[in-house]
Amino acid sequence: MTRISSATATATAVRGAGVLALACAALFVTAAPAPAATNYTCTKPAYRKTSVNYGIYAGQSWEWKALVGTGQSGSSKARVKEIQCLLKYTHKVDPGATDGLWGPRTRAAVVKYQSSARLPADGIVGPQTWRSLRVGGYYVP
C-alpha cells in the first residue's frame, strides 16, 4: 500500500475541485446573443440654411462633400443615416433599415436614385449626389 502525504492529498483535492468548478462553470456559460440592429428614426426632413449652403436636412448630418460608399473613412454612421433618411422620406427610394450601415440595399437605393436623377450611377455619394439629395432636381454641371 502506498502512503500519500497530507500535503499531496490536499493539493490533489484542490486541483480536482478546481477542475470540477471549471466544468460546472462551462455548463452555465452561453453565447451572448447577437446585438439587434438599431433602426434610427429620422426627423421630418426640413429645409436648413447656413451662410454657405441650404437644402433638405434629415437631422443626422449636414455633410455636402464627403465620399460615402467607397469603404473609406467617409462612411460614418451619421452620414449613412442621413443618406438613408433622405432617400426614404424625401425621394421615396427604399434603402432598407435606417441603421447607419452601408450595405447592399443602401448602395442599390443610391444607384437607383442616381439613375433617376441623371447622375453617374456608381453607388458612391459624393458632392454631386449630396447636392441632388439635399436640393433635389437633376444635376447640372
Foldseek 3Di string as FASTA:
>chain_A
DDDDDPVRVVVVVVVVVVVVVVVVVVVVDDDDDDDDQDFDDWAQWDWDDDPVDIFTWGPQDPDQFFKDDPPDPSLFLSVLLRLQCLLCRPVNQHLDGSRSDDDPSVLVSQLVVCVVQVHPSPSIDGNQNSCCSTHNHHGDD
